[in-house]
Amino acid sequence: MVPVTSLWLPIVLSAVFVFLASSVIHMVLGYHANDLRQVPNETGVQDALRPFNLAPGDYGLPKPASAAAMRDPAFIEKRQKGPVAFITVIPSGAPSMGAALGIWFVYSLVVAGCAAYVAGRALGVGATYPQVFRFAGTAAFLAYSMSLPQNSIWWGRNWGMTLKSMFDGLVYGALVGGTFGWLWPR
């Protein structure tokens, strides 16, 4: 068994590697560029929604008041007539990339910390690179990827976007596993 505190260097360094890899994936490789579609008549849709002054948050359209209301003929008619949508509203204005990047890095530290815990409980000092890679990399992959399909299953999120993001998680998991394998206590 290896205590998490003795794995601080691979935790921090793997989070840095994941942060850099995610920057390359999103800014250089560009395969996420078409994850979202543009709404037809974007200006008209924005003009139509603006008077409602929607607060940032997640919205369903139409949204029943309860599970029983899903059987109400009026709700069923709205659902059949459409459009049916799940909308996430974020604050207007320039995006706060600094805050988002900071939170992403902290999240990557948390994932690496969880991977350190799993690998540290399963393996001892002197474990081989493949053993460490397997435990730490799998734990990180699970954290980055395996909750994503539920958004496609339940919320209609584009499966292509989900699968690409899961692939990203595989890359991040491999980076975490590799970093831990490299820096594992001997």
Foldseek 3Di string as FASTA:
>chain_A
DADLVVVLVLLLVLLVVLLVLVCCVVPPVPPCVPQDDADVPNVVVCVVCVVVVDDFDKDWVPDAPDPVSCPPPVNVVSVVVDDTAIDGDDDDDDDPVVVVSVVSSVVSSVQLSQLSVQLPVVDDAPDALVSQLVSSLVSQLCVQAVVQVVCCVPVVRDVVSNVVSSVSSNVSSNSSSNSCNVPGHD
